[in-house]
Amino acid sequence: MNTEAANAHREAGARLYVWVWVYLLAITALEVFLAYEQLFSTAGMLVILMLLSLVKAALIVAYFMHLRFEKASLVLSLIPAVVIVISLLAVFFPDSLRLLELRVP
């Protein structure tokens, strides 16, 4: 870790992590509220909950896995893994839907 990143990481301190935790808690509470109230259609609810989950994942990866303080090359090395996972999901989801149709009612 270079000195600038080390200084930024040291200066962050516990206060930053507590605030990130509070934001994560608030987003989780919002997700639970939306799930119970069902204010939107199923597709709309899915989109909203997925976006909120992506925000939570980004906060966790950036702060609690300390990637915010790493070099950009390390962070960018995660992109191929994400592309592979999304590609695999695109391959296997249609097959799972086909199996769902084969179920006997």
PDB file of N, CA and C in Angstrom:
ATOM      1  N   MET A   1       0.859  -1.168   0.000  1.00  0.00           N
ATOM      2  CA  MET A   1       0.000   0.000   0.000  1.00  0.00           C
ATOM      3  C   MET A   1       0.908   1.233   0.000  1.00  0.00           C
ATOM      4  N   ASN A   2       0.639   2.175  -0.902  1.00  0.00           N
ATOM      5  CA  ASN A   2       1.490   3.365  -0.945  1.00  0.00           C
ATOM      6  C   ASN A   2       1.192   4.277   0.241  1.00  0.00           C
ATOM      7  N   THR A   3       2.036   5.285   0.433  1.00  0.00           N
ATOM      8  CA  THR A   3       1.912   6.118   1.631  1.00  0.00           C
ATOM      9  C   THR A   3       0.637   6.949   1.624  1.00  0.00           C
ATOM     10  N   GLU A   4       0.214   7.426   0.455  1.00  0.00           N
ATOM     11  CA  GLU A   4      -1.027   8.204   0.403  1.00  0.00           C
ATOM     12  C   GLU A   4      -2.219   7.358   0.813  1.00  0.00           C
ATOM     13  N   ALA A   5      -2.274   6.155   0.289  1.00  0.00           N
ATOM     14  CA  ALA A   5      -3.374   5.256   0.633  1.00  0.00           C
ATOM     15  C   ALA A   5      -3.309   4.871   2.109  1.00  0.00           C
ATOM     16  N   ALA A   6      -2.101   4.663   2.625  1.00  0.00           N
ATOM     17  CA  ALA A   6      -1.948   4.309   4.035  1.00  0.00           C
ATOM     18  C   ALA A   6      -2.422   5.452   4.927  1.00  0.00           C
ATOM     19  N   ASN A   7      -2.072   6.685   4.563  1.00  0.00           N
ATOM     20  CA  ASN A   7      -2.521   7.838   5.344  1.00  0.00           C
ATOM     21  C   ASN A   7      -4.033   7.995   5.282  1.00  0.00           C
ATOM     22  N   ALA A   8      -4.617   7.822   4.101  1.00  0.00           N
ATOM     23  CA  ALA A   8      -6.071   7.930   3.962  1.00  0.00           C
ATOM     24  C   ALA A   8      -6.759   6.846   4.766  1.00  0.00           C
ATOM     25  N   HIS A   9      -6.192   5.643   4.740  1.00  0.00           N
ATOM     26  CA  HIS A   9      -6.772   4.527   5.483  1.00  0.00           C
ATOM     27  C   HIS A   9      -6.692   4.770   6.982  1.00  0.00           C
ATOM     28  N   ARG A  10      -5.574   5.303   7.448  1.00  0.00           N
ATOM     29  CA  ARG A  10      -5.390   5.580   8.858  1.00  0.00           C
ATOM     30  C   ARG A  10      -6.334   6.689   9.318  1.00  0.00           C
ATOM     31  N   GLU A  11      -6.524   7.709   8.471  1.00  0.00           N
ATOM     32  CA  GLU A  11      -7.356   8.843   8.842  1.00  0.00           C
ATOM     33  C   GLU A  11      -8.835   8.494   8.859  1.00  0.00           C
ATOM     34  N   ALA A  12      -9.210   7.444   8.142  1.00  0.00           N
ATOM     35  CA  ALA A  12     -10.624   7.070   8.077  1.00  0.00           C
ATOM     36  C   ALA A  12     -11.143   6.769   9.473  1.00  0.00           C
ATOM     37  N   GLY A  13     -10.441   5.957  10.212  1.00  0.00           N
ATOM     38  CA  GLY A  13     -10.781   5.678  11.593  1.00  0.00           C
ATOM     39  C   GLY A  13     -12.111   4.966  11.768  1.00  0.00           C
ATOM     40  N   ALA A  14     -12.455   4.771  13.015  1.00  0.00           N
ATOM     41  CA  ALA A  14     -13.670   4.034  13.362  1.00  0.00           C
ATOM     42  C   ALA A  14     -14.930   4.818  13.015  1.00  0.00           C
ATOM     43  N   ARG A  15     -14.836   6.130  13.055  1.00  0.00           N
ATOM     44  CA  ARG A  15     -16.030   6.951  12.788  1.00  0.00           C
ATOM     45  C   ARG A  15     -16.591   6.697  11.389  1.00  0.00           C
ATOM     46  N   LEU A  16     -15.703   6.594  10.396  1.00  0.00           N
ATOM     47  CA  LEU A  16     -16.135   6.318   9.029  1.00  0.00           C
ATOM     48  C   LEU A  16     -16.833   4.972   8.945  1.00  0.00           C
ATOM     49  N   TYR A  17     -16.269   3.963   9.592  1.00  0.00           N
ATOM     50  CA  TYR A  17     -16.854   2.622   9.532  1.00  0.00           C
ATOM     51  C   TYR A  17     -18.204   2.562  10.239  1.00  0.00           C
ATOM     52  N   VAL A  18     -18.340   3.327  11.292  1.00  0.00           N
ATOM     53  CA  VAL A  18     -19.645   3.385  11.969  1.00  0.00           C
ATOM     54  C   VAL A  18     -20.678   4.028  11.050  1.00  0.00           C
ATOM     55  N   TRP A  19     -20.304   5.080  10.342  1.00  0.00           N
ATOM     56  CA  TRP A  19     -21.245   5.719   9.418  1.00  0.00           C
ATOM     57  C   TRP A  19     -21.612   4.800   8.262  1.00  0.00           C
ATOM     58  N   VAL A  20     -20.638   4.072   7.752  1.00  0.00           N
ATOM     59  CA  VAL A  20     -20.945   3.115   6.687  1.00  0.00           C
ATOM     60  C   VAL A  20     -21.891   2.051   7.218  1.00  0.00           C
ATOM     61  N   TRP A  21     -21.652   1.577   8.429  1.00  0.00           N
ATOM     62  CA  TRP A  21     -22.539   0.580   9.041  1.00  0.00           C
ATOM     63  C   TRP A  21     -23.955   1.148   9.208  1.00  0.00           C
ATOM     64  N   VAL A  22     -24.061   2.407   9.610  1.00  0.00           N
ATOM     65  CA  VAL A  22     -25.382   3.035   9.757  1.00  0.00           C
ATOM     66  C   VAL A  22     -26.088   3.109   8.405  1.00  0.00           C
ATOM     67  N   TYR A  23     -25.352   3.472   7.351  1.00  0.00           N
ATOM     68  CA  TYR A  23     -25.951   3.505   6.011  1.00  0.00           C
ATOM     69  C   TYR A  23     -26.415   2.114   5.585  1.00  0.00           C
ATOM     70  N   LEU A  24     -25.599   1.092   5.853  1.00  0.00           N
ATOM     71  CA  LEU A  24     -25.999  -0.275   5.519  1.00  0.00           C
ATOM     72  C   LEU A  24     -27.246  -0.692   6.287  1.00  0.00           C
ATOM     73  N   LEU A  25     -27.306  -0.313   7.538  1.00  0.00           N
ATOM     74  CA  LEU A  25     -28.476  -0.624   8.357  1.00  0.00           C
ATOM     75  C   LEU A  25     -29.717   0.086   7.826  1.00  0.00           C
ATOM     76  N   ALA A  26     -29.582   1.339   7.424  1.00  0.00           N
ATOM     77  CA  ALA A  26     -30.714   2.094   6.883  1.00  0.00           C
ATOM     78  C   ALA A  26     -31.190   1.493   5.557  1.00  0.00           C
ATOM     79  N   ILE A  27     -30.259   1.087   4.698  1.00  0.00           N
ATOM     80  CA  ILE A  27     -30.651   0.483   3.425  1.00  0.00           C
ATOM     81  C   ILE A  27     -31.360  -0.843   3.673  1.00  0.00           C
ATOM     82  N   THR A  28     -30.873  -1.625   4.642  1.00  0.00           N
ATOM     83  CA  THR A  28     -31.524  -2.891   4.976  1.00  0.00           C
ATOM     84  C   THR A  28     -32.929  -2.649   5.512  1.00  0.00           C
ATOM     85  N   ALA A  29     -33.080  -1.650   6.352  1.00  0.00           N
ATOM     86  CA  ALA A  29     -34.410  -1.323   6.874  1.00  0.00           C
ATOM     87  C   ALA A  29     -35.347  -0.904   5.744  1.00  0.00           C
ATOM     88  N   LEU A  30     -34.836  -0.135   4.787  1.00  0.00           N
ATOM     89  CA  LEU A  30     -35.638   0.266   3.639  1.00  0.00           C
ATOM     90  C   LEU A  30     -36.053  -0.953   2.823  1.00  0.00           C
ATOM     91  N   GLU A  31     -35.121  -1.886   2.620  1.00  0.00           N
ATOM     92  CA  GLU A  31     -35.442  -3.103   1.869  1.00  0.00           C
ATOM     93  C   GLU A  31     -36.528  -3.919   2.568  1.00  0.00           C
ATOM     94  N   VAL A  32     -36.415  -4.062   3.874  1.00  0.00           N
ATOM     95  CA  VAL A  32     -37.427  -4.812   4.635  1.00  0.00           C
ATOM     96  C   VAL A  32     -38.768  -4.105   4.554  1.00  0.00           C
ATOM     97  N   PHE A  33     -38.772  -2.789   4.703  1.00  0.00           N
ATOM     98  CA  PHE A  33     -40.015  -2.020   4.601  1.00  0.00           C
ATOM     99  C   PHE A  33     -40.659  -2.210   3.238  1.00  0.00           C
ATOM    100  N   LEU A  34     -39.877  -2.079   2.166  1.00  0.00           N
ATOM    101  CA  LEU A  34     -40.418  -2.248   0.816  1.00  0.00           C
ATOM    102  C   LEU A  34     -40.934  -3.661   0.586  1.00  0.00           C
ATOM    103  N   ALA A  35     -40.260  -4.648   1.153  1.00  0.00           N
ATOM    104  CA  ALA A  35     -40.694  -6.036   0.971  1.00  0.00           C
ATOM    105  C   ALA A  35     -42.026  -6.289   1.666  1.00  0.00           C
ATOM    106  N   TYR A  36     -42.235  -5.705   2.829  1.00  0.00           N
ATOM    107  CA  TYR A  36     -43.485  -5.926   3.555  1.00  0.00           C
ATOM    108  C   TYR A  36     -44.639  -5.094   3.006  1.00  0.00           C
ATOM    109  N   GLU A  37     -44.370  -3.883   2.577  1.00  0.00           N
ATOM    110  CA  GLU A  37     -45.442  -3.000   2.112  1.00  0.00           C
ATOM    111  C   GLU A  37     -45.853  -3.268   0.673  1.00  0.00           C
ATOM    112  N   GLN A  38     -44.951  -3.775  -0.151  1.00  0.00           N
ATOM    113  CA  GLN A  38     -45.218  -4.082  -1.553  1.00  0.00           C
ATOM    114  C   GLN A  38     -45.915  -2.916  -2.265  1.00  0.00           C
ATOM    115  N   LEU A  39     -45.230  -1.791  -2.293  1.00  0.00           N
ATOM    116  CA  LEU A  39     -45.765  -0.575  -2.884  1.00  0.00           C
ATOM    117  C   LEU A  39     -45.668  -0.561  -4.400  1.00  0.00           C
ATOM    118  N   PHE A  40     -44.838  -1.443  -4.978  1.00  0.00           N
ATOM    119  CA  PHE A  40     -44.600  -1.445  -6.417  1.00  0.00           C
ATOM    120  C   PHE A  40     -44.971  -2.803  -7.000  1.00  0.00           C
ATOM    121  N   SER A  41     -44.980  -2.860  -8.317  1.00  0.00           N
ATOM    122  CA  SER A  41     -45.223  -4.143  -8.981  1.00  0.00           C
ATOM    123  C   SER A  41     -44.051  -5.079  -8.694  1.00  0.00           C
ATOM    124  N   THR A  42     -44.206  -6.336  -9.020  1.00  0.00           N
ATOM    125  CA  THR A  42     -43.150  -7.309  -8.753  1.00  0.00           C
ATOM    126  C   THR A  42     -41.874  -6.953  -9.492  1.00  0.00           C
ATOM    127  N   ALA A  43     -41.985  -6.585 -10.758  1.00  0.00           N
ATOM    128  CA  ALA A  43     -40.794  -6.224 -11.540  1.00  0.00           C
ATOM    129  C   ALA A  43     -40.147  -4.956 -10.980  1.00  0.00           C
ATOM    130  N   GLY A  44     -40.947  -3.975 -10.637  1.00  0.00           N
ATOM    131  CA  GLY A  44     -40.416  -2.739 -10.061  1.00  0.00           C
ATOM    132  C   GLY A  44     -39.743  -2.986  -8.726  1.00  0.00           C
ATOM    133  N   MET A  45     -40.360  -3.842  -7.917  1.00  0.00           N
ATOM    134  CA  MET A  45     -39.787  -4.174  -6.614  1.00  0.00           C
ATOM    135  C   MET A  45     -38.452  -4.898  -6.787  1.00  0.00           C
ATOM    136  N   LEU A  46     -38.393  -5.792  -7.761  1.00  0.00           N
ATOM    137  CA  LEU A  46     -37.153  -6.526  -8.017  1.00  0.00           C
ATOM    138  C   LEU A  46     -36.032  -5.568  -8.424  1.00  0.00           C
ATOM    139  N   VAL A  47     -36.341  -4.632  -9.296  1.00  0.00           N
ATOM    140  CA  VAL A  47     -35.337  -3.667  -9.741  1.00  0.00           C
ATOM    141  C   VAL A  47     -34.857  -2.810  -8.565  1.00  0.00           C
ATOM    142  N   ILE A  48     -35.774  -2.318  -7.758  1.00  0.00           N
ATOM    143  CA  ILE A  48     -35.410  -1.470  -6.620  1.00  0.00           C
ATOM    144  C   ILE A  48     -34.565  -2.240  -5.613  1.00  0.00           C
ATOM    145  N   LEU A  49     -34.986  -3.453  -5.278  1.00  0.00           N
ATOM    146  CA  LEU A  49     -34.245  -4.245  -4.298  1.00  0.00           C
ATOM    147  C   LEU A  49     -32.868  -4.654  -4.824  1.00  0.00           C
ATOM    148  N   MET A  50     -32.774  -4.938  -6.120  1.00  0.00           N
ATOM    149  CA  MET A  50     -31.464  -5.278  -6.691  1.00  0.00           C
ATOM    150  C   MET A  50     -30.533  -4.068  -6.663  1.00  0.00           C
ATOM    151  N   LEU A  51     -31.051  -2.891  -6.987  1.00  0.00           N
ATOM    152  CA  LEU A  51     -30.221  -1.677  -6.943  1.00  0.00           C
ATOM    153  C   LEU A  51     -29.743  -1.381  -5.523  1.00  0.00           C
ATOM    154  N   LEU A  52     -30.646  -1.527  -4.557  1.00  0.00           N
ATOM    155  CA  LEU A  52     -30.252  -1.306  -3.167  1.00  0.00           C
ATOM    156  C   LEU A  52     -29.207  -2.338  -2.726  1.00  0.00           C
ATOM    157  N   SER A  53     -29.351  -3.568  -3.182  1.00  0.00           N
ATOM    158  CA  SER A  53     -28.371  -4.603  -2.849  1.00  0.00           C
ATOM    159  C   SER A  53     -27.016  -4.312  -3.481  1.00  0.00           C
ATOM    160  N   LEU A  54     -27.013  -3.780  -4.692  1.00  0.00           N
ATOM    161  CA  LEU A  54     -25.756  -3.405  -5.336  1.00  0.00           C
ATOM    162  C   LEU A  54     -25.057  -2.280  -4.574  1.00  0.00           C
ATOM    163  N   VAL A  55     -25.834  -1.317  -4.089  1.00  0.00           N
ATOM    164  CA  VAL A  55     -25.261  -0.226  -3.298  1.00  0.00           C
ATOM    165  C   VAL A  55     -24.653  -0.778  -2.012  1.00  0.00           C
ATOM    166  N   LYS A  56     -25.371  -1.698  -1.360  1.00  0.00           N
ATOM    167  CA  LYS A  56     -24.845  -2.299  -0.136  1.00  0.00           C
ATOM    168  C   LYS A  56     -23.570  -3.091  -0.415  1.00  0.00           C
ATOM    169  N   ALA A  57     -23.567  -3.857  -1.494  1.00  0.00           N
ATOM    170  CA  ALA A  57     -22.379  -4.637  -1.844  1.00  0.00           C
ATOM    171  C   ALA A  57     -21.195  -3.716  -2.130  1.00  0.00           C
ATOM    172  N   ALA A  58     -21.442  -2.622  -2.820  1.00  0.00           N
ATOM    173  CA  ALA A  58     -20.368  -1.674  -3.126  1.00  0.00           C
ATOM    174  C   ALA A  58     -19.803  -1.054  -1.847  1.00  0.00           C
ATOM    175  N   LEU A  59     -20.666  -0.703  -0.906  1.00  0.00           N
ATOM    176  CA  LEU A  59     -20.195  -0.149   0.367  1.00  0.00           C
ATOM    177  C   LEU A  59     -19.362  -1.167   1.138  1.00  0.00           C
ATOM    178  N   ILE A  60     -19.822  -2.405   1.161  1.00  0.00           N
ATOM    179  CA  ILE A  60     -19.099  -3.449   1.893  1.00  0.00           C
ATOM    180  C   ILE A  60     -17.738  -3.698   1.266  1.00  0.00           C
ATOM    181  N   VAL A  61     -17.714  -3.815  -0.056  1.00  0.00           N
ATOM    182  CA  VAL A  61     -16.441  -4.078  -0.742  1.00  0.00           C
ATOM    183  C   VAL A  61     -15.500  -2.891  -0.589  1.00  0.00           C
ATOM    184  N   ALA A  62     -16.012  -1.693  -0.703  1.00  0.00           N
ATOM    185  CA  ALA A  62     -15.153  -0.509  -0.650  1.00  0.00           C
ATOM    186  C   ALA A  62     -14.582  -0.268   0.742  1.00  0.00           C
ATOM    187  N   TYR A  63     -15.398  -0.407   1.769  1.00  0.00           N
ATOM    188  CA  TYR A  63     -14.934  -0.022   3.101  1.00  0.00           C
ATOM    189  C   TYR A  63     -14.512  -1.199   3.966  1.00  0.00           C
ATOM    190  N   PHE A  64     -15.344  -2.230   4.068  1.00  0.00           N
ATOM    191  CA  PHE A  64     -15.014  -3.320   4.977  1.00  0.00           C
ATOM    192  C   PHE A  64     -14.014  -4.305   4.376  1.00  0.00           C
ATOM    193  N   MET A  65     -13.912  -4.344   3.046  1.00  0.00           N
ATOM    194  CA  MET A  65     -12.873  -5.156   2.410  1.00  0.00           C
ATOM    195  C   MET A  65     -11.696  -4.264   1.989  1.00  0.00           C
ATOM    196  N   HIS A  66     -11.765  -2.993   2.334  1.00  0.00           N
ATOM    197  CA  HIS A  66     -10.686  -2.021   2.176  1.00  0.00           C
ATOM    198  C   HIS A  66     -10.245  -1.786   0.732  1.00  0.00           C
ATOM    199  N   LEU A  67     -11.094  -2.036  -0.240  1.00  0.00           N
ATOM    200  CA  LEU A  67     -10.710  -1.802  -1.628  1.00  0.00           C
ATOM    201  C   LEU A  67     -10.705  -0.320  -1.978  1.00  0.00           C
ATOM    202  N   ARG A  68     -11.363   0.493  -1.193  1.00  0.00           N
ATOM    203  CA  ARG A  68     -11.351   1.935  -1.448  1.00  0.00           C
ATOM    204  C   ARG A  68      -9.946   2.494  -1.304  1.00  0.00           C
ATOM    205  N   PHE A  69      -9.142   1.850  -0.491  1.00  0.00           N
ATOM    206  CA  PHE A  69      -7.805   2.345  -0.202  1.00  0.00           C
ATOM    207  C   PHE A  69      -6.723   1.632  -1.010  1.00  0.00           C
ATOM    208  N   GLU A  70      -7.120   0.783  -1.939  1.00  0.00           N
ATOM    209  CA  GLU A  70      -6.153   0.041  -2.748  1.00  0.00           C
ATOM    210  C   GLU A  70      -5.891   0.754  -4.065  1.00  0.00           C
ATOM    211  N   LYS A  71      -4.897   0.258  -4.787  1.00  0.00           N
ATOM    212  CA  LYS A  71      -4.581   0.792  -6.106  1.00  0.00           C
ATOM    213  C   LYS A  71      -5.723   0.463  -7.068  1.00  0.00           C
ATOM    214  N   ALA A  72      -5.887   1.309  -8.054  1.00  0.00           N
ATOM    215  CA  ALA A  72      -6.961   1.095  -9.033  1.00  0.00           C
ATOM    216  C   ALA A  72      -6.778  -0.207  -9.802  1.00  0.00           C
ATOM    217  N   SER A  73      -5.534  -0.623 -10.018  1.00  0.00           N
ATOM    218  CA  SER A  73      -5.295  -1.857 -10.770  1.00  0.00           C
ATOM    219  C   SER A  73      -5.843  -3.073 -10.039  1.00  0.00           C
ATOM    220  N   LEU A  74      -5.764  -3.075  -8.710  1.00  0.00           N
ATOM    221  CA  LEU A  74      -6.312  -4.192  -7.942  1.00  0.00           C
ATOM    222  C   LEU A  74      -7.833  -4.218  -8.043  1.00  0.00           C
ATOM    223  N   VAL A  75      -8.435  -3.062  -7.944  1.00  0.00           N
ATOM    224  CA  VAL A  75      -9.895  -2.976  -8.038  1.00  0.00           C
ATOM    225  C   VAL A  75     -10.353  -3.386  -9.435  1.00  0.00           C
ATOM    226  N   LEU A  76      -9.639  -2.929 -10.459  1.00  0.00           N
ATOM    227  CA  LEU A  76     -10.017  -3.259 -11.830  1.00  0.00           C
ATOM    228  C   LEU A  76      -9.795  -4.735 -12.158  1.00  0.00           C
ATOM    229  N   SER A  77      -8.968  -5.418 -11.391  1.00  0.00           N
ATOM    230  CA  SER A  77      -8.749  -6.844 -11.623  1.00  0.00           C
ATOM    231  C   SER A  77      -9.986  -7.666 -11.263  1.00  0.00           C
ATOM    232  N   LEU A  78     -10.925  -7.080 -10.554  1.00  0.00           N
ATOM    233  CA  LEU A  78     -12.163  -7.784 -10.208  1.00  0.00           C
ATOM    234  C   LEU A  78     -13.149  -7.815 -11.367  1.00  0.00           C
ATOM    235  N   ILE A  79     -12.978  -6.952 -12.346  1.00  0.00           N
ATOM    236  CA  ILE A  79     -13.928  -6.863 -13.457  1.00  0.00           C
ATOM    237  C   ILE A  79     -14.025  -8.170 -14.239  1.00  0.00           C
ATOM    238  N   PRO A  80     -12.921  -8.845 -14.576  1.00  0.00           N
ATOM    239  CA  PRO A  80     -13.076 -10.126 -15.289  1.00  0.00           C
ATOM    240  C   PRO A  80     -13.892 -11.158 -14.506  1.00  0.00           C
ATOM    241  N   ALA A  81     -13.729 -11.203 -13.196  1.00  0.00           N
ATOM    242  CA  ALA A  81     -14.501 -12.148 -12.385  1.00  0.00           C
ATOM    243  C   ALA A  81     -15.991 -11.824 -12.453  1.00  0.00           C
ATOM    244  N   VAL A  82     -16.332 -10.555 -12.401  1.00  0.00           N
ATOM    245  CA  VAL A  82     -17.739 -10.155 -12.493  1.00  0.00           C
ATOM    246  C   VAL A  82     -18.306 -10.511 -13.861  1.00  0.00           C
ATOM    247  N   VAL A  83     -17.537 -10.297 -14.908  1.00  0.00           N
ATOM    248  CA  VAL A  83     -17.993 -10.631 -16.264  1.00  0.00           C
ATOM    249  C   VAL A  83     -18.234 -12.138 -16.386  1.00  0.00           C
ATOM    250  N   ILE A  84     -17.339 -12.946 -15.829  1.00  0.00           N
ATOM    251  CA  ILE A  84     -17.503 -14.396 -15.887  1.00  0.00           C
ATOM    252  C   ILE A  84     -18.748 -14.828 -15.128  1.00  0.00           C
ATOM    253  N   VAL A  85     -18.976 -14.272 -13.950  1.00  0.00           N
ATOM    254  CA  VAL A  85     -20.150 -14.638 -13.162  1.00  0.00           C
ATOM    255  C   VAL A  85     -21.438 -14.269 -13.894  1.00  0.00           C
ATOM    256  N   ILE A  86     -21.490 -13.084 -14.463  1.00  0.00           N
ATOM    257  CA  ILE A  86     -22.690 -12.662 -15.196  1.00  0.00           C
ATOM    258  C   ILE A  86     -22.893 -13.540 -16.424  1.00  0.00           C
ATOM    259  N   SER A  87     -21.809 -13.903 -17.099  1.00  0.00           N
ATOM    260  CA  SER A  87     -21.920 -14.785 -18.265  1.00  0.00           C
ATOM    261  C   SER A  87     -22.458 -16.154 -17.858  1.00  0.00           C
ATOM    262  N   LEU A  88     -21.967 -16.696 -16.770  1.00  0.00           N
ATOM    263  CA  LEU A  88     -22.455 -17.995 -16.301  1.00  0.00           C
ATOM    264  C   LEU A  88     -23.926 -17.924 -15.910  1.00  0.00           C
ATOM    265  N   LEU A  89     -24.312 -16.841 -15.279  1.00  0.00           N
ATOM    266  CA  LEU A  89     -25.726 -16.677 -14.935  1.00  0.00           C
ATOM    267  C   LEU A  89     -26.585 -16.618 -16.190  1.00  0.00           C
ATOM    268  N   ALA A  90     -26.110 -15.923 -17.211  1.00  0.00           N
ATOM    269  CA  ALA A  90     -26.857 -15.830 -18.467  1.00  0.00           C
ATOM    270  C   ALA A  90     -26.973 -17.186 -19.139  1.00  0.00           C
ATOM    271  N   VAL A  91     -25.981 -18.051 -18.944  1.00  0.00           N
ATOM    272  CA  VAL A  91     -26.027 -19.386 -19.544  1.00  0.00           C
ATOM    273  C   VAL A  91     -26.960 -20.312 -18.759  1.00  0.00           C
ATOM    274  N   PHE A  92     -26.910 -20.257 -17.434  1.00  0.00           N
ATOM    275  CA  PHE A  92     -27.643 -21.226 -16.627  1.00  0.00           C
ATOM    276  C   PHE A  92     -29.084 -20.835 -16.314  1.00  0.00           C
ATOM    277  N   PHE A  93     -29.432 -19.567 -16.321  1.00  0.00           N
ATOM    278  CA  PHE A  93     -30.810 -19.179 -16.032  1.00  0.00           C
ATOM    279  C   PHE A  93     -31.812 -19.729 -17.045  1.00  0.00           C
ATOM    280  N   PRO A  94     -31.553 -19.648 -18.348  1.00  0.00           N
ATOM    281  CA  PRO A  94     -32.522 -20.227 -19.286  1.00  0.00           C
ATOM    282  C   PRO A  94     -32.738 -21.731 -19.054  1.00  0.00           C
ATOM    283  N   ASP A  95     -31.689 -22.435 -18.686  1.00  0.00           N
ATOM    284  CA  ASP A  95     -31.817 -23.861 -18.413  1.00  0.00           C
ATOM    285  C   ASP A  95     -32.676 -24.099 -17.176  1.00  0.00           C
ATOM    286  N   SER A  96     -32.527 -23.284 -16.167  1.00  0.00           N
ATOM    287  CA  SER A  96     -33.350 -23.451 -14.964  1.00  0.00           C
ATOM    288  C   SER A  96     -34.806 -23.132 -15.260  1.00  0.00           C
ATOM    289  N   LEU A  97     -35.054 -22.179 -16.139  1.00  0.00           N
ATOM    290  CA  LEU A  97     -36.440 -21.883 -16.518  1.00  0.00           C
ATOM    291  C   LEU A  97     -37.045 -23.035 -17.312  1.00  0.00           C
ATOM    292  N   ARG A  98     -36.231 -23.691 -18.121  1.00  0.00           N
ATOM    293  CA  ARG A  98     -36.708 -24.855 -18.870  1.00  0.00           C
ATOM    294  C   ARG A  98     -37.089 -25.969 -17.903  1.00  0.00           C
ATOM    295  N   LEU A  99     -36.299 -26.189 -16.875  1.00  0.00           N
ATOM    296  CA  LEU A  99     -36.609 -27.208 -15.882  1.00  0.00           C
ATOM    297  C   LEU A  99     -37.867 -26.877 -15.104  1.00  0.00           C
ATOM    298  N   LEU A 100     -38.097 -25.598 -14.889  1.00  0.00           N
ATOM    299  CA  LEU A 100     -39.312 -25.172 -14.202  1.00  0.00           C
ATOM    300  C   LEU A 100     -40.553 -25.518 -15.000  1.00  0.00           C
ATOM    301  N   GLU A 101     -40.451 -25.399 -16.322  1.00  0.00           N
ATOM    302  CA  GLU A 101     -41.583 -25.727 -17.193  1.00  0.00           C
ATOM    303  C   GLU A 101     -41.837 -27.227 -17.258  1.00  0.00           C
ATOM    304  N   LEU A 102     -40.839 -28.054 -16.971  1.00  0.00           N
ATOM    305  CA  LEU A 102     -40.987 -29.504 -17.025  1.00  0.00           C
ATOM    306  C   LEU A 102     -41.655 -30.079 -15.780  1.00  0.00           C
ATOM    307  N   ARG A 103     -41.770 -29.277 -14.743  1.00  0.00           N
ATOM    308  CA  ARG A 103     -42.405 -29.747 -13.510  1.00  0.00           C
ATOM    309  C   ARG A 103     -43.845 -30.140 -13.761  1.00  0.00           C
ATOM    310  N   VAL A 104     -44.245 -31.205 -13.115  1.00  0.00           N
ATOM    311  CA  VAL A 104     -45.628 -31.647 -13.245  1.00  0.00           C
ATOM    312  C   VAL A 104     -46.452 -30.874 -12.225  1.00  0.00           C
ATOM    313  N   PRO A 105     -47.526 -30.223 -12.683  1.00  0.00           N
ATOM    314  CA  PRO A 105     -48.330 -29.417 -11.746  1.00  0.00           C
ATOM    315  C   PRO A 105     -49.110 -30.244 -10.762  1.00  0.00           C
TER     316      PRO A 105
END
